N, C-alpha and C. Protein backbone atom coordinates (compact mmCIF):
# COMPACT_ATOMS: atom_id res chain seq x y z
N MET A 1 1.24 -1.37 -0.09
CA MET A 1 -0.06 -0.26 -0.19
C MET A 1 0.81 0.89 0.20
N GLU A 2 0.80 2.21 -0.79
CA GLU A 2 1.65 3.21 -1.07
C GLU A 2 0.65 4.52 -0.62
N LYS A 3 1.44 5.53 0.05
CA LYS A 3 0.83 6.66 1.03
C LYS A 3 0.50 7.14 -0.49
N GLN A 4 -0.40 8.30 -0.43
CA GLN A 4 -1.18 9.54 -1.07
C GLN A 4 0.05 10.87 -0.81
N TYR A 5 0.28 10.74 0.33
CA TYR A 5 1.29 11.81 0.48
C TYR A 5 2.47 11.10 1.86
N ASP A 6 3.63 11.84 1.44
CA ASP A 6 4.58 11.09 2.26
C ASP A 6 5.15 12.31 3.06
N SER A 7 5.13 12.62 3.90
CA SER A 7 5.47 13.75 4.72
C SER A 7 6.96 13.75 5.32
N VAL A 8 7.56 12.34 5.70
CA VAL A 8 8.83 12.63 6.06
C VAL A 8 9.28 12.61 4.70
N LYS A 9 9.06 12.16 3.24
CA LYS A 9 10.08 12.46 2.45
C LYS A 9 10.34 13.86 2.32
N GLU A 10 8.77 14.58 2.02
CA GLU A 10 8.91 16.12 1.96
C GLU A 10 9.53 16.60 2.87
N MET A 11 9.35 16.58 3.98
CA MET A 11 10.56 17.28 4.83
C MET A 11 12.07 17.07 4.68
N ARG A 12 12.78 15.87 4.16
CA ARG A 12 13.53 15.82 3.92
C ARG A 12 14.14 16.75 2.63
N SER A 13 13.17 16.83 1.62
CA SER A 13 13.70 17.24 0.66
C SER A 13 13.59 18.82 0.84
N ILE A 14 12.86 19.49 1.94
CA ILE A 14 13.03 20.67 2.40
C ILE A 14 13.98 21.23 2.83
N ARG A 15 14.74 19.99 3.67
CA ARG A 15 16.05 20.35 4.71
C ARG A 15 16.96 20.27 3.67
N GLU A 16 17.12 19.73 2.81
CA GLU A 16 17.94 19.23 1.54
C GLU A 16 18.03 20.78 0.98
N ARG A 17 16.79 20.84 0.49
CA ARG A 17 17.36 22.17 -0.41
C ARG A 17 17.48 23.37 0.63
N LEU A 18 16.97 23.74 1.66
CA LEU A 18 17.42 24.70 2.71
C LEU A 18 18.96 25.04 2.82
N GLN A 19 19.54 23.42 3.21
CA GLN A 19 21.03 23.35 3.80
C GLN A 19 21.84 23.58 2.44
N LYS A 20 21.08 23.38 0.69
CA LYS A 20 21.93 24.00 -0.05
C LYS A 20 21.73 25.17 -0.19
N GLU A 21 20.74 26.12 -0.07
CA GLU A 21 20.69 27.40 0.25
C GLU A 21 21.87 28.44 0.96
N TYR A 22 21.32 27.40 2.29
CA TYR A 22 22.17 28.39 3.22
C TYR A 22 24.03 28.08 3.07
N GLU A 23 24.38 26.74 2.29
CA GLU A 23 25.61 26.74 2.29
C GLU A 23 26.51 28.04 1.47
N LYS A 24 25.30 27.96 0.52
CA LYS A 24 26.09 29.05 -1.06
C LYS A 24 25.88 30.12 -0.03
N ASN A 25 24.95 30.86 0.86
CA ASN A 25 24.68 32.35 1.54
C ASN A 25 24.57 32.00 2.89
N PRO A 26 25.42 31.61 3.57
CA PRO A 26 25.45 31.36 5.10
C PRO A 26 24.44 32.90 5.90
N ALA A 27 24.54 33.82 5.43
CA ALA A 27 24.08 35.22 6.28
C ALA A 27 22.58 34.98 5.57
N LEU A 28 21.82 34.32 4.50
CA LEU A 28 20.65 34.34 4.50
C LEU A 28 19.79 33.52 6.01
N ARG A 29 20.69 31.92 6.09
CA ARG A 29 19.93 31.79 7.25
C ARG A 29 19.75 32.30 8.45
N LYS A 30 20.96 32.95 8.94
CA LYS A 30 21.14 34.20 10.16
C LYS A 30 20.05 35.24 9.79
N LYS A 31 19.46 35.84 8.69
CA LYS A 31 18.62 36.45 8.40
C LYS A 31 17.25 36.36 8.67
N ARG A 32 17.15 34.80 8.28
CA ARG A 32 15.97 34.10 8.42
C ARG A 32 15.60 33.75 9.48
N LEU A 33 16.68 33.78 10.96
CA LEU A 33 16.44 33.08 11.64
C LEU A 33 15.76 34.10 12.67
N GLU A 34 16.67 35.37 12.49
CA GLU A 34 16.14 36.73 13.04
C GLU A 34 14.66 36.89 12.86
N GLN A 35 14.46 37.14 11.47
CA GLN A 35 13.05 37.33 11.38
C GLN A 35 11.88 36.14 11.85
N ILE A 36 12.59 35.28 12.30
CA ILE A 36 11.54 34.51 12.62
C ILE A 36 11.45 34.64 14.39
N ARG A 37 12.49 34.99 15.04
CA ARG A 37 12.44 35.43 16.40
C ARG A 37 11.91 36.66 16.54
N LYS A 38 11.94 37.29 15.41
CA LYS A 38 11.23 38.61 16.04
C LYS A 38 9.52 38.41 15.85
N LYS A 39 8.99 37.60 14.79
CA LYS A 39 8.19 37.38 14.35
C LYS A 39 7.04 36.84 15.37
N TYR A 40 7.64 35.45 15.87
CA TYR A 40 7.12 34.87 17.37
C TYR A 40 7.63 35.51 18.41
N ARG A 41 8.68 36.45 18.49
CA ARG A 41 9.10 36.98 19.58
C ARG A 41 9.65 36.14 20.73
N LEU A 42 10.42 35.04 20.05
CA LEU A 42 11.66 34.25 20.89
C LEU A 42 12.95 35.06 20.99
N ALA A 43 13.28 34.58 21.91
CA ALA A 43 14.76 35.50 22.87
C ALA A 43 15.60 33.82 22.57
N ILE A 44 16.88 34.14 22.14
CA ILE A 44 18.30 33.46 22.00
C ILE A 44 18.45 32.79 23.12
N ARG A 45 18.31 31.41 23.44
CA ARG A 45 18.51 30.89 24.84
C ARG A 45 20.14 31.22 25.42
N THR A 46 20.08 31.65 26.37
CA THR A 46 21.87 31.74 26.58
C THR A 46 21.85 30.92 28.37
N LYS A 47 23.06 30.71 28.61
CA LYS A 47 23.32 30.65 29.82
C LYS A 47 22.57 31.31 30.71
N GLU A 48 22.73 32.07 31.18
CA GLU A 48 22.43 33.27 32.26
C GLU A 48 20.46 33.10 32.09
N ASN A 49 19.72 33.25 30.93
CA ASN A 49 18.86 33.53 31.14
C ASN A 49 17.91 32.00 30.53
N ALA A 50 18.83 30.90 30.71
CA ALA A 50 17.86 29.36 30.28
C ALA A 50 17.11 28.89 31.16
N TYR A 51 17.21 29.40 32.41
CA TYR A 51 16.29 28.70 33.67
C TYR A 51 15.53 29.55 34.40
N ARG A 52 15.12 30.67 33.63
CA ARG A 52 14.00 32.19 34.06
C ARG A 52 12.85 31.46 34.00
């Protein structure tokens, strides 16, 4: 029985595509992560603020 949609296969292809993009342009990864942190109001965890 074959699945109509294979989510694991899809996630692997997305990760591979992003990895290639970020290898070519490492600053792009940092920029996108900053945008995500801003959008969802996420802070970067450090040793000082990890257990607050």
